[in-house]
Amino acid sequence: MDATVLESVAVKILTKTGKTWSTQIPVDMLEEVVDFSGFDYIQIEE
């Protein structure tokens, strides 16, 4: 996954450890982000 692609839709990248990234995704952009290729798993928390 290219960080600039995520950042272009207002995703804030908090940490990257190997293939695991911690991000903040605006709720209104969630559907668009999950359609990107490159994700093996997405966990959503409050």
Protein backbone atom coordinates (compact mmCIF):
# COMPACT_ATOMS: atom_id res chain seq x y z
CA MET A 1 0.00 0.00 0.00
CA ASP A 2 1.25 3.45 -0.91
CA ALA A 3 0.90 5.91 1.98
CA THR A 4 0.30 8.82 -0.41
CA VAL A 5 -2.84 7.09 -1.72
CA LEU A 6 -4.24 6.83 1.80
CA GLU A 7 -3.23 10.37 2.68
CA SER A 8 -5.00 11.65 -0.45
CA VAL A 9 -8.34 10.59 1.08
CA ALA A 10 -7.57 12.13 4.50
CA VAL A 11 -6.30 8.95 6.19
CA LYS A 12 -3.87 9.76 9.00
CA ILE A 13 -1.08 7.18 9.32
CA LEU A 14 -0.14 6.78 12.98
CA THR A 15 2.40 3.91 12.93
CA LYS A 16 3.87 1.37 10.53
CA THR A 17 5.43 -1.86 11.82
CA GLY A 18 6.28 -4.21 8.99
CA LYS A 19 3.04 -4.92 7.16
CA THR A 20 0.90 -3.66 10.07
CA TRP A 21 -0.27 -0.06 9.97
CA SER A 22 -2.27 1.89 12.52
CA THR A 23 -4.37 4.63 10.94
CA GLN A 24 -7.26 6.97 11.54
CA ILE A 25 -9.82 6.87 8.73
CA PRO A 26 -12.59 9.48 8.54
CA VAL A 27 -15.94 7.69 8.75
CA ASP A 28 -17.17 9.30 5.54
CA MET A 29 -14.15 7.87 3.67
CA LEU A 30 -14.35 4.31 5.04
CA GLU A 31 -16.18 2.78 2.06
CA GLU A 32 -13.69 4.28 -0.39
CA VAL A 33 -10.69 3.11 1.65
CA VAL A 34 -11.87 -0.50 2.00
CA ASP A 35 -12.16 -0.69 -1.80
CA PHE A 36 -8.40 -0.08 -2.18
CA SER A 37 -6.31 -3.15 -2.97
CA GLY A 38 -3.50 -4.15 -0.64
CA PHE A 39 -5.39 -4.85 2.56
CA ASP A 40 -5.30 -8.31 4.14
CA TYR A 41 -7.29 -7.30 7.21
CA ILE A 42 -9.05 -4.24 8.60
CA GLN A 43 -9.96 -3.91 12.27
CA ILE A 44 -12.28 -1.12 13.32
CA GLU A 45 -12.35 0.22 16.88
CA GLU A 46 -14.04 3.12 18.60
